PDB file of N, CA and C in Angstrom:
ATOM      1  N   MET A   1       0.837  -1.187   0.000  1.00  0.00           N
ATOM      2  CA  MET A   1       0.000   0.000   0.000  1.00  0.00           C
ATOM      3  C   MET A   1       0.881   1.250   0.000  1.00  0.00           C
ATOM      4  N   GLN A   2       0.622   2.159  -0.885  1.00  0.00           N
ATOM      5  CA  GLN A   2       1.390   3.390  -1.034  1.00  0.00           C
ATOM      6  C   GLN A   2       0.946   4.425  -0.016  1.00  0.00           C
ATOM      7  N   LYS A   3       1.902   5.105   0.605  1.00  0.00           N
ATOM      8  CA  LYS A   3       1.568   6.188   1.520  1.00  0.00           C
ATOM      9  C   LYS A   3       1.119   7.405   0.721  1.00  0.00           C
ATOM     10  N   THR A   4       0.168   8.105   1.235  1.00  0.00           N
ATOM     11  CA  THR A   4      -0.226   9.357   0.612  1.00  0.00           C
ATOM     12  C   THR A   4       0.464  10.488   1.340  1.00  0.00           C
ATOM     13  N   ARG A   5       0.491  11.632   0.743  1.00  0.00           N
ATOM     14  CA  ARG A   5       1.146  12.789   1.352  1.00  0.00           C
ATOM     15  C   ARG A   5       0.572  13.115   2.721  1.00  0.00           C
ATOM     16  N   SER A   6      -0.706  12.902   2.910  1.00  0.00           N
ATOM     17  CA  SER A   6      -1.348  13.322   4.144  1.00  0.00           C
ATOM     18  C   SER A   6      -0.848  12.555   5.365  1.00  0.00           C
ATOM     19  N   ASN A   7      -0.295  11.367   5.197  1.00  0.00           N
ATOM     20  CA  ASN A   7       0.166  10.634   6.370  1.00  0.00           C
ATOM     21  C   ASN A   7       1.680  10.508   6.442  1.00  0.00           C
ATOM     22  N   LEU A   8       2.391  11.349   5.717  1.00  0.00           N
ATOM     23  CA  LEU A   8       3.846  11.364   5.812  1.00  0.00           C
ATOM     24  C   LEU A   8       4.272  12.220   7.003  1.00  0.00           C
ATOM     25  N   THR A   9       5.321  11.782   7.686  1.00  0.00           N
ATOM     26  CA  THR A   9       5.895  12.552   8.780  1.00  0.00           C
ATOM     27  C   THR A   9       7.326  12.908   8.416  1.00  0.00           C
ATOM     28  N   ASP A  10       7.961  13.746   9.226  1.00  0.00           N
ATOM     29  CA  ASP A  10       9.351  14.130   8.965  1.00  0.00           C
ATOM     30  C   ASP A  10      10.279  12.925   8.900  1.00  0.00           C
ATOM     31  N   ASP A  11       9.935  11.859   9.630  1.00  0.00           N
ATOM     32  CA  ASP A  11      10.776  10.660   9.658  1.00  0.00           C
ATOM     33  C   ASP A  11      10.416   9.640   8.580  1.00  0.00           C
ATOM     34  N   SER A  12       9.485   9.977   7.706  1.00  0.00           N
ATOM     35  CA  SER A  12       9.101   9.054   6.632  1.00  0.00           C
ATOM     36  C   SER A  12      10.216   8.942   5.610  1.00  0.00           C
ATOM     37  N   PHE A  13      10.398   7.735   5.096  1.00  0.00           N
ATOM     38  CA  PHE A  13      11.323   7.520   3.989  1.00  0.00           C
ATOM     39  C   PHE A  13      10.607   7.868   2.693  1.00  0.00           C
ATOM     40  N   ILE A  14      11.306   8.596   1.840  1.00  0.00           N
ATOM     41  CA  ILE A  14      10.772   8.904   0.511  1.00  0.00           C
ATOM     42  C   ILE A  14      11.781   8.407  -0.514  1.00  0.00           C
ATOM     43  N   ASP A  15      11.300   8.158  -1.716  1.00  0.00           N
ATOM     44  CA  ASP A  15      12.183   7.678  -2.777  1.00  0.00           C
ATOM     45  C   ASP A  15      12.426   8.778  -3.797  1.00  0.00           C
ATOM     46  N   MET A  16      13.269   8.482  -4.764  1.00  0.00           N
ATOM     47  CA  MET A  16      13.611   9.474  -5.777  1.00  0.00           C
ATOM     48  C   MET A  16      12.391   9.872  -6.592  1.00  0.00           C
ATOM     49  N   LEU A  17      11.491   8.954  -6.833  1.00  0.00           N
ATOM     50  CA  LEU A  17      10.284   9.288  -7.590  1.00  0.00           C
ATOM     51  C   LEU A  17       9.477  10.379  -6.879  1.00  0.00           C
ATOM     52  N   TYR A  18       9.352  10.279  -5.569  1.00  0.00           N
ATOM     53  CA  TYR A  18       8.665  11.316  -4.799  1.00  0.00           C
ATOM     54  C   TYR A  18       9.380  12.653  -4.984  1.00  0.00           C
ATOM     55  N   ILE A  19      10.705  12.627  -4.861  1.00  0.00           N
ATOM     56  CA  ILE A  19      11.494  13.866  -4.946  1.00  0.00           C
ATOM     57  C   ILE A  19      11.373  14.507  -6.320  1.00  0.00           C
ATOM     58  N   ILE A  20      11.487  13.720  -7.383  1.00  0.00           N
ATOM     59  CA  ILE A  20      11.416  14.319  -8.722  1.00  0.00           C
ATOM     60  C   ILE A  20       9.999  14.785  -9.051  1.00  0.00           C
ATOM     61  N   ASN A  21       8.994  14.071  -8.573  1.00  0.00           N
ATOM     62  CA  ASN A  21       7.615  14.511  -8.809  1.00  0.00           C
ATOM     63  C   ASN A  21       7.307  15.801  -8.061  1.00  0.00           C
ATOM     64  N   ASP A  22       7.839  15.940  -6.860  1.00  0.00           N
ATOM     65  CA  ASP A  22       7.579  17.136  -6.061  1.00  0.00           C
ATOM     66  C   ASP A  22       8.372  18.334  -6.566  1.00  0.00           C
ATOM     67  N   SER A  23       9.623  18.104  -6.971  1.00  0.00           N
ATOM     68  CA  SER A  23      10.506  19.222  -7.317  1.00  0.00           C
ATOM     69  C   SER A  23      10.448  19.619  -8.789  1.00  0.00           C
ATOM     70  N   GLY A  24      10.187  18.654  -9.649  1.00  0.00           N
ATOM     71  CA  GLY A  24      10.228  18.933 -11.081  1.00  0.00           C
ATOM     72  C   GLY A  24      11.603  18.770 -11.694  1.00  0.00           C
ATOM     73  N   PHE A  25      12.602  18.424 -10.868  1.00  0.00           N
ATOM     74  CA  PHE A  25      13.947  18.176 -11.380  1.00  0.00           C
ATOM     75  C   PHE A  25      14.123  16.692 -11.665  1.00  0.00           C
ATOM     76  N   THR A  26      15.176  16.353 -12.386  1.00  0.00           N
ATOM     77  CA  THR A  26      15.422  14.962 -12.741  1.00  0.00           C
ATOM     78  C   THR A  26      16.262  14.255 -11.676  1.00  0.00           C
ATOM     79  N   SER A  27      16.237  12.941 -11.717  1.00  0.00           N
ATOM     80  CA  SER A  27      17.081  12.176 -10.789  1.00  0.00           C
ATOM     81  C   SER A  27      18.552  12.458 -11.086  1.00  0.00           C
ATOM     82  N   ARG A  28      18.877  12.639 -12.334  1.00  0.00           N
ATOM     83  CA  ARG A  28      20.265  12.947 -12.709  1.00  0.00           C
ATOM     84  C   ARG A  28      20.743  14.227 -12.027  1.00  0.00           C
ATOM     85  N   TYR A  29      19.882  15.238 -11.969  1.00  0.00           N
ATOM     86  CA  TYR A  29      20.198  16.495 -11.285  1.00  0.00           C
ATOM     87  C   TYR A  29      20.495  16.229  -9.812  1.00  0.00           C
ATOM     88  N   PHE A  30      19.643  15.446  -9.151  1.00  0.00           N
ATOM     89  CA  PHE A  30      19.834  15.196  -7.725  1.00  0.00           C
ATOM     90  C   PHE A  30      21.070  14.352  -7.449  1.00  0.00           C
ATOM     91  N   TYR A  31      21.341  13.349  -8.280  1.00  0.00           N
ATOM     92  CA  TYR A  31      22.535  12.536  -8.054  1.00  0.00           C
ATOM     93  C   TYR A  31      23.810  13.356  -8.280  1.00  0.00           C
ATOM     94  N   LYS A  32      23.762  14.332  -9.171  1.00  0.00           N
ATOM     95  CA  LYS A  32      24.890  15.239  -9.351  1.00  0.00           C
ATOM     96  C   LYS A  32      25.069  16.109  -8.105  1.00  0.00           C
ATOM     97  N   LEU A  33      23.966  16.588  -7.542  1.00  0.00           N
ATOM     98  CA  LEU A  33      24.043  17.368  -6.298  1.00  0.00           C
ATOM     99  C   LEU A  33      24.622  16.529  -5.161  1.00  0.00           C
ATOM    100  N   ILE A  34      24.204  15.280  -5.066  1.00  0.00           N
ATOM    101  CA  ILE A  34      24.717  14.386  -4.017  1.00  0.00           C
ATOM    102  C   ILE A  34      26.227  14.250  -4.155  1.00  0.00           C
ATOM    103  N   LYS A  35      26.678  14.032  -5.374  1.00  0.00           N
ATOM    104  CA  LYS A  35      28.113  13.863  -5.636  1.00  0.00           C
ATOM    105  C   LYS A  35      28.895  15.096  -5.222  1.00  0.00           C
ATOM    106  N   ASN A  36      28.293  16.282  -5.412  1.00  0.00           N
ATOM    107  CA  ASN A  36      28.967  17.549  -5.096  1.00  0.00           C
ATOM    108  C   ASN A  36      28.673  18.043  -3.681  1.00  0.00           C
ATOM    109  N   GLY A  37      27.934  17.260  -2.889  1.00  0.00           N
ATOM    110  CA  GLY A  37      27.645  17.650  -1.511  1.00  0.00           C
ATOM    111  C   GLY A  37      26.502  18.631  -1.350  1.00  0.00           C
ATOM    112  N   GLY A  38      25.711  18.843  -2.399  1.00  0.00           N
ATOM    113  CA  GLY A  38      24.622  19.805  -2.342  1.00  0.00           C
ATOM    114  C   GLY A  38      23.266  19.218  -2.004  1.00  0.00           C
ATOM    115  N   PHE A  39      23.208  17.922  -1.789  1.00  0.00           N
ATOM    116  CA  PHE A  39      21.960  17.246  -1.435  1.00  0.00           C
ATOM    117  C   PHE A  39      22.332  16.060  -0.559  1.00  0.00           C
ATOM    118  N   PRO A  40      21.503  15.729   0.437  1.00  0.00           N
ATOM    119  CA  PRO A  40      21.841  14.615   1.334  1.00  0.00           C
ATOM    120  C   PRO A  40      22.015  13.296   0.588  1.00  0.00           C
ATOM    121  N   ALA A  41      23.002  12.535   1.026  1.00  0.00           N
ATOM    122  CA  ALA A  41      23.219  11.199   0.468  1.00  0.00           C
ATOM    123  C   ALA A  41      22.053  10.306   0.878  1.00  0.00           C
ATOM    124  N   PRO A  42      21.749   9.324   0.057  1.00  0.00           N
ATOM    125  CA  PRO A  42      20.621   8.435   0.392  1.00  0.00           C
ATOM    126  C   PRO A  42      20.953   7.493   1.541  1.00  0.00           C
ATOM    127  N   ILE A  43      19.907   7.011   2.160  1.00  0.00           N
ATOM    128  CA  ILE A  43      19.998   5.937   3.132  1.00  0.00           C
ATOM    129  C   ILE A  43      19.769   4.670   2.329  1.00  0.00           C
ATOM    130  N   LYS A  44      20.745   3.783   2.342  1.00  0.00           N
ATOM    131  CA  LYS A  44      20.638   2.551   1.560  1.00  0.00           C
ATOM    132  C   LYS A  44      19.930   1.487   2.391  1.00  0.00           C
ATOM    133  N   ILE A  45      18.882   0.911   1.823  1.00  0.00           N
ATOM    134  CA  ILE A  45      18.148  -0.193   2.427  1.00  0.00           C
ATOM    135  C   ILE A  45      18.163  -1.300   1.377  1.00  0.00           C
ATOM    136  N   GLY A  46      19.052  -2.244   1.571  1.00  0.00           N
ATOM    137  CA  GLY A  46      19.256  -3.239   0.525  1.00  0.00           C
ATOM    138  C   GLY A  46      19.793  -2.530  -0.704  1.00  0.00           C
ATOM    139  N   ARG A  47      19.131  -2.728  -1.822  1.00  0.00           N
ATOM    140  CA  ARG A  47      19.538  -2.059  -3.065  1.00  0.00           C
ATOM    141  C   ARG A  47      18.784  -0.755  -3.283  1.00  0.00           C
ATOM    142  N   SER A  48      17.874  -0.432  -2.378  1.00  0.00           N
ATOM    143  CA  SER A  48      17.050   0.769  -2.512  1.00  0.00           C
ATOM    144  C   SER A  48      17.708   1.983  -1.877  1.00  0.00           C
ATOM    145  N   SER A  49      17.443   3.127  -2.446  1.00  0.00           N
ATOM    146  CA  SER A  49      17.901   4.403  -1.891  1.00  0.00           C
ATOM    147  C   SER A  49      16.675   5.167  -1.407  1.00  0.00           C
ATOM    148  N   ARG A  50      16.763   5.631  -0.180  1.00  0.00           N
ATOM    149  CA  ARG A  50      15.668   6.402   0.409  1.00  0.00           C
ATOM    150  C   ARG A  50      16.242   7.620   1.118  1.00  0.00           C
ATOM    151  N   TRP A  51      15.415   8.631   1.283  1.00  0.00           N
ATOM    152  CA  TRP A  51      15.777   9.847   2.000  1.00  0.00           C
ATOM    153  C   TRP A  51      14.724  10.097   3.057  1.00  0.00           C
ATOM    154  N   LEU A  52      15.104  10.799   4.095  1.00  0.00           N
ATOM    155  CA  LEU A  52      14.111  11.234   5.064  1.00  0.00           C
ATOM    156  C   LEU A  52      13.393  12.447   4.492  1.00  0.00           C
ATOM    157  N   LEU A  53      12.098  12.474   4.656  1.00  0.00           N
ATOM    158  CA  LEU A  53      11.318  13.614   4.181  1.00  0.00           C
ATOM    159  C   LEU A  53      11.858  14.895   4.796  1.00  0.00           C
ATOM    160  N   ARG A  54      12.271  14.836   6.043  1.00  0.00           N
ATOM    161  CA  ARG A  54      12.828  16.010   6.729  1.00  0.00           C
ATOM    162  C   ARG A  54      14.032  16.568   5.970  1.00  0.00           C
ATOM    163  N   ASP A  55      14.940  15.709   5.541  1.00  0.00           N
ATOM    164  CA  ASP A  55      16.129  16.177   4.827  1.00  0.00           C
ATOM    165  C   ASP A  55      15.764  16.849   3.508  1.00  0.00           C
ATOM    166  N   TYR A  56      14.834  16.253   2.784  1.00  0.00           N
ATOM    167  CA  TYR A  56      14.399  16.848   1.515  1.00  0.00           C
ATOM    168  C   TYR A  56      13.692  18.180   1.765  1.00  0.00           C
ATOM    169  N   SER A  57      12.812  18.220   2.757  1.00  0.00           N
ATOM    170  CA  SER A  57      12.072  19.447   3.061  1.00  0.00           C
ATOM    171  C   SER A  57      12.999  20.578   3.472  1.00  0.00           C
ATOM    172  N   GLU A  58      14.036  20.257   4.250  1.00  0.00           N
ATOM    173  CA  GLU A  58      15.007  21.277   4.653  1.00  0.00           C
ATOM    174  C   GLU A  58      15.799  21.782   3.457  1.00  0.00           C
ATOM    175  N   TRP A  59      16.188  20.894   2.558  1.00  0.00           N
ATOM    176  CA  TRP A  59      16.896  21.297   1.349  1.00  0.00           C
ATOM    177  C   TRP A  59      16.027  22.261   0.540  1.00  0.00           C
ATOM    178  N   LYS A  60      14.779  21.903   0.381  1.00  0.00           N
ATOM    179  CA  LYS A  60      13.842  22.725  -0.390  1.00  0.00           C
ATOM    180  C   LYS A  60      13.655  24.094   0.272  1.00  0.00           C
ATOM    181  N   ALA A  61      13.491  24.107   1.589  1.00  0.00           N
ATOM    182  CA  ALA A  61      13.287  25.365   2.321  1.00  0.00           C
ATOM    183  C   ALA A  61      14.497  26.286   2.199  1.00  0.00           C
ATOM    184  N   ARG A  62      15.705  25.718   2.225  1.00  0.00           N
ATOM    185  CA  ARG A  62      16.918  26.540   2.064  1.00  0.00           C
ATOM    186  C   ARG A  62      16.931  27.249   0.715  1.00  0.00           C
ATOM    187  N   HIS A  63      16.480  26.563  -0.325  1.00  0.00           N
ATOM    188  CA  HIS A  63      16.464  27.180  -1.650  1.00  0.00           C
ATOM    189  C   HIS A  63      15.377  28.241  -1.767  1.00  0.00           C
ATOM    190  N   ILE A  64      14.283  28.038  -1.092  1.00  0.00           N
ATOM    191  CA  ILE A  64      13.231  29.064  -1.073  1.00  0.00           C
ATOM    192  C   ILE A  64      13.725  30.288  -0.321  1.00  0.00           C
ATOM    193  N   GLU A  65      14.434  30.079   0.803  1.00  0.00           N
ATOM    194  CA  GLU A  65      14.996  31.195   1.568  1.00  0.00           C
ATOM    195  C   GLU A  65      15.993  31.980   0.733  1.00  0.00           C
ATOM    196  N   LYS A  66      16.850  31.291  -0.026  1.00  0.00           N
ATOM    197  CA  LYS A  66      17.818  31.977  -0.887  1.00  0.00           C
ATOM    198  C   LYS A  66      17.101  32.903  -1.867  1.00  0.00           C
ATOM    199  N   ARG A  67      16.021  32.386  -2.450  1.00  0.00           N
ATOM    200  CA  ARG A  67      15.250  33.188  -3.397  1.00  0.00           C
ATOM    201  C   ARG A  67      14.666  34.414  -2.712  1.00  0.00           C
ATOM    202  N   ASP A  68      14.147  34.215  -1.510  1.00  0.00           N
ATOM    203  CA  ASP A  68      13.458  35.305  -0.810  1.00  0.00           C
ATOM    204  C   ASP A  68      14.394  36.351  -0.232  1.00  0.00           C
ATOM    205  N   THR A  69      15.679  36.028  -0.095  1.00  0.00           N
ATOM    206  CA  THR A  69      16.620  36.993   0.459  1.00  0.00           C
ATOM    207  C   THR A  69      17.352  37.790  -0.621  1.00  0.00           C
ATOM    208  N   ARG A  70      17.076  37.530  -1.841  1.00  0.00           N
ATOM    209  CA  ARG A  70      17.750  38.258  -2.933  1.00  0.00           C
ATOM    210  C   ARG A  70      17.056  39.548  -3.218  1.00  0.00           C
TER     211      ARG A  70
END
C-alpha cells in the first residue's frame, strides 16, 4: 500500500520518484548534487535508496529562503 502525502511525517522515507515529482527536477540532477555535496546522500536499504522527508524538506526550504533573500 502506497503512503499518501497526508500521512507522511518528517521521519518518513521517501524515494527518488517522490522527490522528482515534487521538485520537477530529474534524478540525474539530484545525483549530481549528491556527488557535489549539495543534497543529502541516500539511506541505503538493501539495493534501494531512500531519503528522510525532513532532509528533503530542509533542502527545499533553504532554496526558497535563498530566493526570498535576494
